[in-house]
Structure formats: C-alpha cells, structure tokens
Amino acid sequence: MTIDETTTVESVADTTPAGVDSAVDAAASAAGPWAAVELAERARVLDTIADRLDAHAAELIPLAIRETRLPEPRLAGELKRTTFQLRLFAQLVRDGGFLDVRIDTADAQWPMGVPRPDLRRMNIPLGPVLNFAASNFPFAFSVAGGDTASALAAGCPVVVKASPGHPELSGAVGALVAEAISECGAPGGTFGLIFGRDAGVRALLHPRTAAVAFTGSTAGGRALYDLACGRPVPIPFYGELGSINPVFVTPEAARSQAAEIASGLLTAVSSSAGQLCTKPGLVAVPEEAPVLAELIAAAPAPTGELLNDQIAAGFEKAVEQVRAHSAVGVLAGGGPGAALLLTTTARAVLADRESLMREMFGPATLVVTYRDTAELHELARSLHGELTVSVFGDRADDTTRALLAAAATVAGRVLWNSWPTGLSVTYAQQHGGPYPATTAPSTTSVGTAAVTRFLRPVVFQSVPDDLLPPALREANPLTVPRSVNGAPAQ
C-alpha cells in the first residue's frame, strides 16, 4: 500500500449508523474465532502490524506532522514506541502467562470436610472492544496504540473510533492494520475503524460491544462512562480522564537541588507543548526557596504549537480560569510559544481547591508555595485521584515518608526525585489511578498488565479433559505457565 495526501474525504467521512452496526456486528462475529486462534498466530498478527507500520514510517510521519503540528523527532519516537509495544504484547501472548491458568485437581481429603472437585481456572476474552483513540498521541494512543494492541492480545476484536484530531492519519494506519490482519488470515471483523462523534456513541450503545477503552477529557469521558453504565447491560468502561500530577518538593530538596528541579520542571511543562496526561500541573515548593529564583531567572522554555485550534482554545480557557483567581499571579514565562508558570499559596489552594487544582492541558503549571511542612502535608492529603504524584527529597525522614504514603493513596504511580513525563512501556508500568484520573483504578492503560482489562476468569468444574480448553488439559499443548494446586508448574 502506498500512502499519500489523497487519503482524504471518503476515507474520513463520518461513519453512517449502518456502517457502525456493520463494524460492531463483524467484530462480534469474529470474537469466537479470534479468541480460538492459537497464541503463536495471535502474536504473529501483532508482530505483522508492527512490521507494516515500521515499513511505512516515511509516509505516516509526514501525514502526522500535517495533521497534528507535532515535530518530526517526537513523532518518529512515538511511532517507535507504538511498534515496540505491539511486539511486547506479542511476546506476552507467546508466553501465555496472561491466561493465569490455575488448576486444583480433585482431592477427597480436602480439609474443608467435603471433597474438593476438579477446578480449572483461566482468563478468557471479554468480546468486542470499542477503543476511543486519543488526539495527543496520534500513534501510541490511537488506531494501533496500546488499547488496540492490548485488546487484540487478549483475544478481543477491536473497533476503533478515530480521533477527530488526525482523521487522515487514522485512516492510513487503519488500512495498514487491516492489511496486516488479513495477510495473517485472522477472522474478518477482527479490526474495524469508525469516524465521528455520533458513530462512537452508537458503537458504545450497541448491544454486542463488550468493553470500552477511552483516553481524553474528563467531561467527555465521564459522559461516555455514564452511557456505558446506563445500558440495559452495563459494560466495563476503562477511561483515562484527567490528572494534574502534583509534585512536592521538600525544603531540603528545594535548596540542594534548586537548579536541577527548575530545569526539570521547565522541560516537563514545555515538552510536547504540555499536551501530556502526565504533565505536572501543580508544584509545591517552600516560600522563598532558591528554586523560585531559578525559575524566575531561567530563559523561557519554548513549547511549539498546540495540536489543533480546539485544544488551543481549551487550554486558553483553562488558563484564564486559574489566572482569574485573586490569589494567582504570574511567576515566569507565558510569552508567545513559551511555557507559563503561574503561582499561588498553599493556603489559597486549600481554601478553594476546585478553582485551583484544575488541569490546564498545555504548557502551563501552578507553582504553589507553602509555609512549613505541616502545610505541605495538608496539601498532600487534600488530593483526589491522580495518575502520578512526585516527591523530591534528599533523605528518608518523616516528611518524605508521609508524602509518599499520601501519594500512594491517590495515585497509580509514585515517583522519587524524577518527573512523570516520558512514560515507559514495561511489564511493571502502571498508568491509572483513582477517579477522576481514571474510571477503573485497579487497571492500567500502559504496560503489559493492560491486557487484563479485556479478560475475565472462568472456572471449569469436573469437565472431562477432552472438553476443556487446550490450556487447561492434562497434556497441555500450549506452552503457558500453569499453577497446579497452588504451586507453579515446573
């Protein structure tokens, strides 16, 4: 396939109601056959998608630049991340451990006083997944991004609702994904792509949609979450909504690490024009701390353009709302194309949390000064759900322990002397948190554990061996880890 600038008009027109129903019905028809595909073949599909995207990088990246205003180095790195995570999920599938096979053989002497039957438990796919693609990561959180990769890895067909921020790129990537899936002989309907707000809502409400993944705004995500919960048969809605990612700087660190913290903050706020869900939006530092002087004296941090006019308007509105508060001033920056540092006091935040703990999706943050550690601890305890909380400190003491403990109660990822941007795709990664950061705090949308969102456990009791799923049989033809009577198989 050759991708050029003619990938427009018909390929990105809003999907008709009939088209939406057809895509979801096709996914539902593919659910059983795709779930039954051998793990090695399922992994091959993921690898083939990654290979196809890499082979067309020279065509995809210019298309992404034109639609998103993001620079070439950022997009090249993001495409690399996208194909890496597809291959990482392929490795996960080949290993088979995500099936979480647990076998309790029959035991007439089970200590409960009654015999234990033969019980064999494993994870199975939920069914068709609807993925609302994000705008700020046109590769890694979009058509072939982590939600699509993890759902396909789980054995679920996927229908992607494309982001309006990059429709032509979505169509081009979708065509490559469909080609790769067809080349591997996967069931028709394993992947589908739809366009338009109404199309997304219709797909969410379709009775054959089994689960939803979403990355976007709090308002939009909450509206869709309520629709998912209000269906005649509610379905899981895995939404990443919003986070201010607070940063707490202890008095000692504010003195000893002043230059490093100031430099790191400016980089974290300005990178990708602040359009990252992990951008620090509130930074607490002591009054009169040297780090404040470093921030004031620093050269303005260039940001580049925002993704599109809609995001720019939303950012401007959010900044205006925060700046309008009587206790807020400008600390530094804010000129054309430069990161903006606003400032206020911990007292003001604690008195009016709703106005000041507000996400500004773009290159701005609120620097909050506190008088003493008691006020710092009170600020930390006032947090709601966050994706991340960072603590900068010099030593293990009561202050840092209390801050870390408070952070762990509200965030999915707690960082020490590091910034939350630059999210790594790994086995141990956690990208989630209590509401309003996400709608499902026990899950992650980044890392291999993301696959568990689209699985559910089933126990087969006293079922004859030849009727069991292959992974549960005595002579297991699949090379998957199995826990037998509580002990991992050797």
Protein backbone atom coordinates (compact mmCIF):
# COMPACT_ATOMS: atom_id res chain seq x y z
CA MET A 1 0.00 0.00 0.00
CA THR A 2 1.20 3.49 -0.81
CA ILE A 3 0.09 6.32 1.44
CA ASP A 4 -0.13 9.82 0.05
CA GLU A 5 -2.01 13.05 0.65
CA THR A 6 -5.06 11.77 -1.26
CA THR A 7 -6.12 9.77 1.81
CA THR A 8 -8.99 12.17 2.46
CA VAL A 9 -12.72 12.84 2.07
CA GLU A 10 -14.47 9.49 1.75
CA SER A 11 -11.99 7.63 3.98
CA VAL A 12 -12.52 10.13 6.80
CA ALA A 13 -16.21 10.92 6.43
CA ASP A 14 -18.37 10.20 9.48
CA THR A 15 -19.43 6.58 9.55
CA THR A 16 -23.14 6.03 8.92
CA PRO A 17 -25.32 4.26 11.51
CA ALA A 18 -25.45 1.24 9.22
CA GLY A 19 -21.66 1.31 8.94
CA VAL A 20 -21.27 1.40 12.72
CA ASP A 21 -23.64 -1.53 13.17
CA SER A 22 -21.82 -3.46 10.48
CA ALA A 23 -18.43 -2.89 12.14
CA VAL A 24 -19.64 -3.97 15.59
CA ASP A 25 -21.56 -6.95 14.23
CA ALA A 26 -18.48 -8.06 12.29
CA ALA A 27 -16.39 -7.75 15.46
CA ALA A 28 -18.94 -9.80 17.39
CA SER A 29 -18.89 -12.50 14.70
CA ALA A 30 -15.10 -12.56 14.86
CA ALA A 31 -14.96 -12.76 18.66
CA GLY A 32 -15.18 -16.54 18.95
CA PRO A 33 -12.84 -17.36 16.05
CA TRP A 34 -10.27 -14.74 17.12
CA ALA A 35 -10.29 -15.99 20.72
CA ALA A 36 -9.71 -19.52 19.41
CA VAL A 37 -6.69 -18.59 17.28
CA GLU A 38 -3.54 -20.25 18.63
CA LEU A 39 -1.40 -17.96 20.73
CA ALA A 40 1.55 -18.11 18.34
CA GLU A 41 -0.69 -16.97 15.49
CA ARG A 42 -2.23 -14.21 17.57
CA ALA A 43 1.28 -12.99 18.37
CA ARG A 44 2.21 -13.12 14.69
CA VAL A 45 -0.64 -10.75 13.88
CA LEU A 46 0.69 -8.20 16.38
CA ASP A 47 4.21 -8.52 15.00
CA THR A 48 2.96 -8.15 11.44
CA ILE A 49 1.08 -4.95 12.31
CA ALA A 50 4.27 -3.56 13.86
CA ASP A 51 6.31 -4.52 10.80
CA ARG A 52 3.77 -2.90 8.47
CA LEU A 53 3.81 0.37 10.42
CA ASP A 54 7.60 0.47 10.51
CA ALA A 55 7.76 -0.16 6.77
CA HIS A 56 5.55 2.86 6.10
CA ALA A 57 7.11 5.24 8.62
CA ALA A 58 8.39 7.55 5.87
CA GLU A 59 4.82 8.08 4.69
CA LEU A 60 3.00 8.06 8.02
CA ILE A 61 5.16 10.62 9.82
CA PRO A 62 4.70 13.46 7.29
CA LEU A 63 0.96 12.83 7.37
CA ALA A 64 1.03 13.05 11.18
CA ILE A 65 3.06 16.28 11.06
CA ARG A 66 0.50 17.88 8.76
CA GLU A 67 -2.47 16.96 10.96
CA THR A 68 -1.05 17.39 14.47
CA ARG A 69 1.61 20.11 14.29
CA LEU A 70 3.94 17.83 16.27
CA PRO A 71 7.62 17.84 15.24
CA GLU A 72 9.21 15.00 13.32
CA PRO A 73 11.54 13.78 16.13
CA ARG A 74 8.63 13.45 18.56
CA LEU A 75 6.50 11.57 16.03
CA ALA A 76 9.35 9.27 14.98
CA GLY A 77 9.95 8.36 18.61
CA GLU A 78 6.26 7.83 19.19
CA LEU A 79 5.93 5.51 16.19
CA LYS A 80 8.88 3.52 17.51
CA ARG A 81 7.13 3.26 20.88
CA THR A 82 3.96 2.10 19.13
CA THR A 83 5.60 -0.74 17.24
CA PHE A 84 7.65 -1.66 20.32
CA GLN A 85 4.52 -2.11 22.43
CA LEU A 86 2.86 -4.19 19.69
CA ARG A 87 5.86 -6.53 19.74
CA LEU A 88 5.94 -6.53 23.55
CA PHE A 89 2.32 -7.70 23.62
CA ALA A 90 3.23 -10.33 21.03
CA GLN A 91 5.85 -11.65 23.47
CA LEU A 92 3.26 -11.63 26.25
CA VAL A 93 0.87 -13.67 24.12
CA ARG A 94 3.51 -16.24 23.22
CA ASP A 95 4.38 -16.69 26.89
CA GLY A 96 0.74 -17.32 27.79
CA GLY A 97 1.06 -16.28 31.41
CA PHE A 98 -1.71 -13.69 30.95
CA LEU A 99 -4.17 -16.61 30.83
CA ASP A 100 -3.44 -17.08 34.57
CA VAL A 101 -4.11 -20.82 34.44
CA ARG A 102 -4.83 -22.30 37.90
CA ILE A 103 -5.59 -25.97 38.40
CA ASP A 104 -6.90 -27.64 41.55
CA THR A 105 -7.18 -31.37 40.97
CA ALA A 106 -9.86 -33.34 42.79
CA ASP A 107 -9.00 -34.04 46.44
CA ALA A 108 -11.21 -36.34 48.54
CA GLN A 109 -9.29 -35.31 51.70
CA TRP A 110 -9.64 -31.55 51.28
CA PRO A 111 -9.55 -30.05 54.83
CA MET A 112 -12.91 -28.29 54.45
CA GLY A 113 -14.58 -31.56 55.41
CA VAL A 114 -16.06 -32.13 51.97
CA PRO A 115 -14.19 -33.35 48.87
CA ARG A 116 -12.74 -30.74 46.55
CA PRO A 117 -13.86 -31.12 42.95
CA ASP A 118 -11.55 -30.74 39.98
CA LEU A 119 -11.39 -26.96 39.34
CA ARG A 120 -9.57 -25.39 36.40
CA ARG A 121 -9.49 -21.62 36.04
CA MET A 122 -8.27 -19.40 33.22
CA ASN A 123 -8.85 -15.99 31.68
CA ILE A 124 -10.94 -15.67 28.53
CA PRO A 125 -11.57 -12.63 26.29
CA LEU A 126 -14.50 -10.32 27.04
CA GLY A 127 -15.52 -9.86 23.41
CA PRO A 128 -15.58 -6.85 21.05
CA VAL A 129 -13.76 -3.79 22.43
CA LEU A 130 -14.52 -0.21 21.38
CA ASN A 131 -11.43 1.99 21.55
CA PHE A 132 -11.82 5.79 21.58
CA ALA A 133 -8.47 6.98 20.20
CA ALA A 134 -6.69 9.95 21.79
CA SER A 135 -5.63 13.12 19.99
CA ASN A 136 -2.32 13.91 21.70
CA PHE A 137 -0.57 10.65 20.79
CA PRO A 138 -1.51 10.05 17.14
CA PHE A 139 0.34 6.74 17.08
CA ALA A 140 0.80 5.39 20.61
CA PHE A 141 -2.74 6.04 21.91
CA SER A 142 -4.57 5.96 18.62
CA VAL A 143 -5.62 3.43 15.98
CA ALA A 144 -2.78 0.95 16.55
CA GLY A 145 -1.87 2.14 20.04
CA GLY A 146 -1.78 0.47 23.40
CA ASP A 147 -5.53 -0.07 23.83
CA THR A 148 -5.81 -1.74 20.43
CA ALA A 149 -2.68 -3.81 21.00
CA SER A 150 -3.72 -5.00 24.47
CA ALA A 151 -7.25 -5.86 23.35
CA LEU A 152 -6.03 -7.85 20.35
CA ALA A 153 -3.50 -9.58 22.62
CA ALA A 154 -6.31 -10.55 24.98
CA GLY A 155 -8.14 -12.17 22.08
CA CYS A 156 -10.75 -9.43 21.60
CA PRO A 157 -11.70 -7.91 18.24
CA VAL A 158 -11.38 -4.12 18.21
CA VAL A 159 -13.43 -1.32 16.70
CA VAL A 160 -11.55 1.98 16.89
CA LYS A 161 -13.39 5.29 16.97
CA ALA A 162 -10.84 7.57 15.30
CA SER A 163 -9.77 10.85 16.86
CA PRO A 164 -11.05 13.94 15.05
CA GLY A 165 -7.60 15.44 15.57
CA HIS A 166 -5.91 13.28 12.93
CA PRO A 167 -8.53 11.59 10.71
CA GLU A 168 -6.35 11.11 7.63
CA LEU A 169 -3.57 9.51 9.64
CA SER A 170 -6.17 7.31 11.36
CA GLY A 171 -7.47 6.12 8.00
CA ALA A 172 -3.97 5.38 6.76
CA VAL A 173 -2.94 3.47 9.90
CA GLY A 174 -6.28 1.64 9.94
CA ALA A 175 -5.75 0.47 6.37
CA LEU A 176 -2.29 -0.87 7.28
CA VAL A 177 -3.65 -2.69 10.35
CA ALA A 178 -6.44 -4.23 8.29
CA GLU A 179 -3.96 -5.34 5.63
CA ALA A 180 -1.70 -6.96 8.22
CA ILE A 181 -4.60 -8.79 9.86
CA SER A 182 -5.87 -10.04 6.51
CA GLU A 183 -2.37 -11.14 5.47
CA CYS A 184 -2.15 -13.32 8.58
CA GLY A 185 -5.52 -14.94 7.87
CA ALA A 186 -7.19 -13.61 11.01
CA PRO A 187 -11.02 -13.68 11.07
CA GLY A 188 -12.78 -10.88 9.19
CA GLY A 189 -14.06 -8.29 11.64
CA THR A 190 -11.10 -8.62 14.00
CA PHE A 191 -10.39 -4.93 13.40
CA GLY A 192 -12.68 -2.08 12.41
CA LEU A 193 -12.43 1.70 12.18
CA ILE A 194 -15.23 4.26 12.50
CA PHE A 195 -15.32 8.07 12.37
CA GLY A 196 -17.50 10.67 14.03
CA ARG A 197 -18.85 11.53 17.47
CA ASP A 198 -22.29 10.05 16.84
CA ALA A 199 -20.68 6.91 15.47
CA GLY A 200 -18.72 6.47 18.68
CA VAL A 201 -21.82 6.84 20.84
CA ARG A 202 -23.77 4.41 18.67
CA ALA A 203 -20.97 1.83 18.89
CA LEU A 204 -20.80 2.23 22.67
CA LEU A 205 -24.53 1.59 22.97
CA HIS A 206 -24.51 -1.32 20.54
CA PRO A 207 -25.62 -4.42 22.48
CA ARG A 208 -22.73 -6.51 21.11
CA THR A 209 -19.97 -4.16 22.32
CA ALA A 210 -18.41 -5.80 25.38
CA ALA A 211 -15.99 -3.18 26.74
CA VAL A 212 -14.72 0.34 26.07
CA ALA A 213 -11.29 1.97 26.28
CA PHE A 214 -11.03 5.77 26.31
CA THR A 215 -8.32 8.40 26.64
CA GLY A 216 -9.43 12.02 26.64
CA SER A 217 -11.09 14.78 28.59
CA THR A 218 -12.80 14.39 31.95
CA ALA A 219 -16.08 15.81 30.65
CA GLY A 220 -16.18 13.66 27.53
CA GLY A 221 -15.01 10.53 29.32
CA ARG A 222 -17.49 10.92 32.14
CA ALA A 223 -20.37 11.36 29.66
CA LEU A 224 -19.40 8.16 27.85
CA TYR A 225 -18.84 6.31 31.14
CA ASP A 226 -22.36 7.21 32.25
CA LEU A 227 -23.73 5.89 28.95
CA ALA A 228 -21.81 2.63 29.39
CA CYS A 229 -23.16 2.22 32.92
CA GLY A 230 -26.71 3.15 31.85
CA ARG A 231 -27.03 0.50 29.15
CA PRO A 232 -29.56 -2.30 29.77
CA VAL A 233 -26.48 -4.48 30.24
CA PRO A 234 -23.70 -2.22 31.62
CA ILE A 235 -20.21 -2.85 30.27
CA PRO A 236 -16.72 -2.06 31.58
CA PHE A 237 -15.51 1.42 30.66
CA TYR A 238 -11.76 1.88 31.03
CA GLY A 239 -11.36 5.64 30.84
CA GLU A 240 -8.28 7.76 31.39
CA LEU A 241 -9.73 11.20 32.06
CA GLY A 242 -7.61 13.88 33.71
CA SER A 243 -4.79 14.46 36.16
CA ILE A 244 -2.77 17.39 37.49
CA ASN A 245 0.13 15.15 38.60
CA PRO A 246 1.22 17.09 41.69
CA VAL A 247 4.88 17.48 42.59
CA PHE A 248 6.01 18.01 46.20
CA VAL A 249 9.43 19.48 46.83
CA THR A 250 10.71 19.21 50.39
CA PRO A 251 12.59 22.14 51.97
CA GLU A 252 15.91 20.26 51.78
CA ALA A 253 15.50 19.38 48.09
CA ALA A 254 14.38 22.92 47.25
CA ARG A 255 17.78 24.11 48.48
CA SER A 256 20.14 21.34 47.38
CA GLN A 257 18.50 20.54 44.02
CA ALA A 258 17.24 24.00 43.07
CA ALA A 259 18.85 24.24 39.63
CA GLU A 260 18.04 20.64 38.69
CA ILE A 261 14.41 20.92 39.80
CA ALA A 262 13.90 24.21 37.95
CA SER A 263 15.39 22.83 34.75
CA GLY A 264 13.44 19.57 35.00
CA LEU A 265 10.18 21.37 35.65
CA LEU A 266 10.55 23.64 32.63
CA THR A 267 11.31 20.65 30.42
CA ALA A 268 8.37 18.65 31.77
CA VAL A 269 5.92 21.53 31.26
CA SER A 270 7.13 22.57 27.80
CA SER A 271 7.72 19.13 26.19
CA SER A 272 5.10 18.35 23.54
CA ALA A 273 3.67 21.78 24.37
CA GLY A 274 2.46 20.41 27.69
CA GLN A 275 -0.04 18.14 25.94
CA LEU A 276 0.75 15.09 28.04
CA CYS A 277 -1.55 13.42 30.53
CA THR A 278 1.46 13.15 32.85
CA LYS A 279 2.50 16.81 32.70
CA PRO A 280 3.00 18.22 36.23
CA GLY A 281 0.24 20.76 36.75
CA LEU A 282 0.94 21.71 40.37
CA VAL A 283 4.35 22.03 42.02
CA ALA A 284 4.62 22.72 45.75
CA VAL A 285 7.80 24.44 46.95
CA PRO A 286 8.71 26.30 50.17
CA GLU A 287 8.27 30.06 50.39
CA GLU A 288 11.44 31.94 49.46
CA ALA A 289 13.08 28.73 48.22
CA PRO A 290 16.08 29.08 45.85
CA VAL A 291 14.20 27.06 43.25
CA LEU A 292 11.81 30.00 42.81
CA ALA A 293 14.69 32.30 41.93
CA GLU A 294 15.98 29.69 39.46
CA LEU A 295 12.61 29.53 37.74
CA ILE A 296 12.33 33.33 37.50
CA ALA A 297 15.85 33.68 36.12
CA ALA A 298 15.60 30.82 33.62
CA ALA A 299 15.24 31.51 29.92
CA PRO A 300 11.67 30.99 28.65
CA ALA A 301 11.06 27.35 27.77
CA PRO A 302 9.93 27.05 24.13
CA THR A 303 6.87 24.88 23.60
CA GLY A 304 5.98 24.61 19.94
CA GLU A 305 2.41 24.66 18.67
CA LEU A 306 -0.62 23.06 20.26
CA LEU A 307 -2.17 20.14 18.40
CA ASN A 308 -5.14 21.98 16.94
CA ASP A 309 -7.36 25.01 17.38
CA GLN A 310 -9.82 23.19 19.65
CA ILE A 311 -7.11 22.16 22.11
CA ALA A 312 -5.61 25.65 21.97
CA ALA A 313 -8.99 27.17 22.83
CA GLY A 314 -9.48 24.72 25.70
CA PHE A 315 -6.04 25.49 27.08
CA GLU A 316 -6.61 29.24 26.89
CA LYS A 317 -9.91 28.89 28.72
CA ALA A 318 -8.40 26.73 31.49
CA VAL A 319 -5.52 29.18 32.00
CA GLU A 320 -7.91 32.13 32.12
CA GLN A 321 -9.99 30.41 34.79
CA VAL A 322 -6.96 29.83 37.00
CA ARG A 323 -5.43 33.27 36.39
CA ALA A 324 -8.74 34.95 37.23
CA HIS A 325 -8.40 33.81 40.85
CA SER A 326 -7.47 36.70 43.11
CA ALA A 327 -4.65 34.72 44.75
CA VAL A 328 -2.93 33.74 41.49
CA GLY A 329 -0.10 35.63 39.79
CA VAL A 330 2.45 35.00 37.06
CA LEU A 331 5.82 33.68 38.22
CA ALA A 332 7.57 33.42 34.87
CA GLY A 333 7.14 32.81 31.16
CA GLY A 334 3.91 32.97 29.27
CA GLY A 335 5.12 34.81 26.20
CA PRO A 336 4.39 33.56 22.67
CA GLY A 337 5.46 29.94 22.38
CA ALA A 338 6.79 29.79 25.95
CA ALA A 339 5.73 27.78 28.99
CA LEU A 340 3.69 29.67 31.59
CA LEU A 341 4.38 29.39 35.32
CA LEU A 342 1.57 30.69 37.50
CA THR A 343 1.93 30.96 41.27
CA THR A 344 -0.22 30.97 44.39
CA THR A 345 -0.05 29.81 48.00
CA ALA A 346 -0.94 26.53 49.65
CA ARG A 347 -3.41 28.46 51.82
CA ALA A 348 -5.26 29.60 48.71
CA VAL A 349 -5.36 26.11 47.23
CA LEU A 350 -6.65 24.57 50.44
CA ALA A 351 -9.34 27.26 50.68
CA ASP A 352 -10.50 26.87 47.07
CA ARG A 353 -9.38 23.51 45.78
CA GLU A 354 -11.90 23.26 42.96
CA SER A 355 -10.77 26.52 41.33
CA LEU A 356 -7.03 25.98 41.66
CA MET A 357 -6.47 22.24 41.33
CA ARG A 358 -7.55 22.40 37.70
CA GLU A 359 -5.97 20.64 34.75
CA MET A 360 -4.51 23.02 32.16
CA PHE A 361 -3.88 20.79 29.15
CA GLY A 362 -0.98 22.64 27.62
CA PRO A 363 2.30 24.35 28.58
CA ALA A 364 1.36 25.80 31.97
CA THR A 365 1.67 24.82 35.61
CA LEU A 366 0.82 26.27 39.00
CA VAL A 367 3.71 26.75 41.44
CA VAL A 368 2.32 26.63 44.98
CA THR A 369 4.34 27.98 47.90
CA TYR A 370 3.91 26.54 51.39
CA ARG A 371 4.98 27.98 54.76
CA ASP A 372 6.02 24.81 56.58
CA THR A 373 5.89 21.03 56.34
CA ALA A 374 2.57 20.90 58.18
CA GLU A 375 1.02 22.91 55.37
CA LEU A 376 2.78 20.71 52.80
CA HIS A 377 1.32 17.57 54.39
CA GLU A 378 -2.14 19.13 54.46
CA LEU A 379 -1.83 19.93 50.78
CA ALA A 380 -0.81 16.35 50.02
CA ARG A 381 -3.75 14.96 51.99
CA SER A 382 -6.17 17.15 50.04
CA LEU A 383 -5.50 15.41 46.73
CA HIS A 384 -8.07 13.46 44.78
CA GLY A 385 -7.31 10.76 42.20
CA GLU A 386 -4.16 11.29 40.13
CA LEU A 387 -2.18 9.39 37.56
CA THR A 388 1.08 10.38 39.25
CA VAL A 389 2.48 12.12 42.33
CA SER A 390 6.16 13.05 42.51
CA VAL A 391 8.21 13.73 45.62
CA PHE A 392 11.59 15.46 45.58
CA GLY A 393 13.62 14.92 48.73
CA ASP A 394 17.15 14.43 50.00
CA ARG A 395 16.67 11.72 52.60
CA ALA A 396 14.28 9.27 54.17
CA ASP A 397 12.62 11.10 57.05
CA ASP A 398 9.14 11.60 58.47
CA THR A 399 8.30 14.26 55.87
CA THR A 400 9.19 12.17 52.85
CA ARG A 401 7.59 9.04 54.28
CA ALA A 402 4.35 10.92 54.92
CA LEU A 403 4.37 12.41 51.43
CA LEU A 404 4.98 9.05 49.80
CA ALA A 405 2.23 7.45 51.88
CA ALA A 406 -0.23 10.20 50.92
CA ALA A 407 0.78 9.87 47.27
CA ALA A 408 0.18 6.12 47.23
CA THR A 409 -3.41 6.59 48.43
CA VAL A 410 -4.37 8.77 45.45
CA ALA A 411 -2.04 7.93 42.55
CA GLY A 412 -1.23 4.98 40.33
CA ARG A 413 2.46 5.91 40.05
CA VAL A 414 4.58 7.48 42.79
CA LEU A 415 7.92 9.00 41.75
CA TRP A 416 11.01 9.91 43.76
CA ASN A 417 13.27 12.70 42.50
CA SER A 418 12.00 12.30 38.94
CA TRP A 419 9.41 13.77 36.61
CA PRO A 420 6.31 11.88 35.46
CA THR A 421 6.64 12.58 31.73
CA GLY A 422 8.38 10.05 29.49
CA LEU A 423 6.13 7.11 30.37
CA SER A 424 7.93 3.82 29.71
CA VAL A 425 6.14 0.78 28.26
CA THR A 426 7.20 -2.11 30.50
CA TYR A 427 5.94 -5.16 32.37
CA ALA A 428 5.65 -3.30 35.69
CA GLN A 429 4.25 0.01 34.45
CA GLN A 430 1.05 1.44 35.98
CA HIS A 431 -0.80 4.19 34.15
CA GLY A 432 -4.02 4.68 36.04
CA GLY A 433 -5.33 5.93 39.35
CA PRO A 434 -8.46 6.69 41.38
CA TYR A 435 -11.22 8.81 39.87
CA PRO A 436 -11.07 11.34 38.26
CA ALA A 437 -7.74 10.18 36.86
CA THR A 438 -9.46 7.05 35.57
CA THR A 439 -12.76 5.23 35.86
CA ALA A 440 -11.08 1.92 36.75
CA PRO A 441 -8.27 2.45 39.30
CA SER A 442 -7.34 -1.23 39.52
CA THR A 443 -6.20 -1.28 35.88
CA THR A 444 -3.55 0.30 33.67
CA SER A 445 -3.63 1.51 30.07
CA VAL A 446 0.15 1.29 29.60
CA GLY A 447 2.36 -1.77 30.03
CA THR A 448 1.63 -5.45 29.65
CA ALA A 449 -0.82 -5.53 32.58
CA ALA A 450 -3.19 -3.55 30.31
CA VAL A 451 -4.27 -6.86 28.78
CA THR A 452 -6.16 -7.81 31.95
CA ARG A 453 -8.80 -5.15 31.26
CA PHE A 454 -10.21 -7.24 28.45
CA LEU A 455 -10.22 -10.63 30.14
CA ARG A 456 -12.47 -12.36 32.66
CA PRO A 457 -11.86 -15.56 34.66
CA VAL A 458 -13.84 -18.74 34.10
CA VAL A 459 -13.67 -21.94 36.17
CA PHE A 460 -14.41 -25.32 34.61
CA GLN A 461 -15.52 -27.78 37.30
CA SER A 462 -15.27 -31.54 36.77
CA VAL A 463 -15.25 -31.10 32.98
CA PRO A 464 -13.77 -34.08 31.02
CA ASP A 465 -10.27 -33.43 29.76
CA ASP A 466 -11.15 -33.63 26.07
CA LEU A 467 -13.85 -30.97 26.54
CA LEU A 468 -11.58 -28.48 28.31
CA PRO A 469 -9.88 -25.51 26.61
CA PRO A 470 -6.41 -26.61 25.48
CA ALA A 471 -4.60 -24.58 28.17
CA LEU A 472 -6.44 -26.48 30.94
CA ARG A 473 -5.91 -30.03 29.69
CA GLU A 474 -3.62 -32.52 31.39
CA ALA A 475 -1.48 -32.79 28.27
CA ASN A 476 -1.38 -29.05 27.69
CA PRO A 477 -0.47 -28.44 24.03
CA LEU A 478 0.27 -24.79 24.78
CA THR A 479 3.45 -23.59 26.41
CA VAL A 480 1.72 -21.50 29.08
CA PRO A 481 2.63 -21.21 32.77
CA ARG A 482 0.22 -23.22 34.92
CA SER A 483 -0.34 -23.02 38.66
CA VAL A 484 -1.26 -26.54 39.83
CA ASN A 485 -2.70 -26.92 43.34
CA GLY A 486 -1.21 -23.58 44.33
CA ALA A 487 2.30 -24.28 43.02
CA PRO A 488 3.63 -23.05 39.67
CA ALA A 489 4.28 -25.89 37.25
CA GLN A 490 7.90 -26.72 36.64
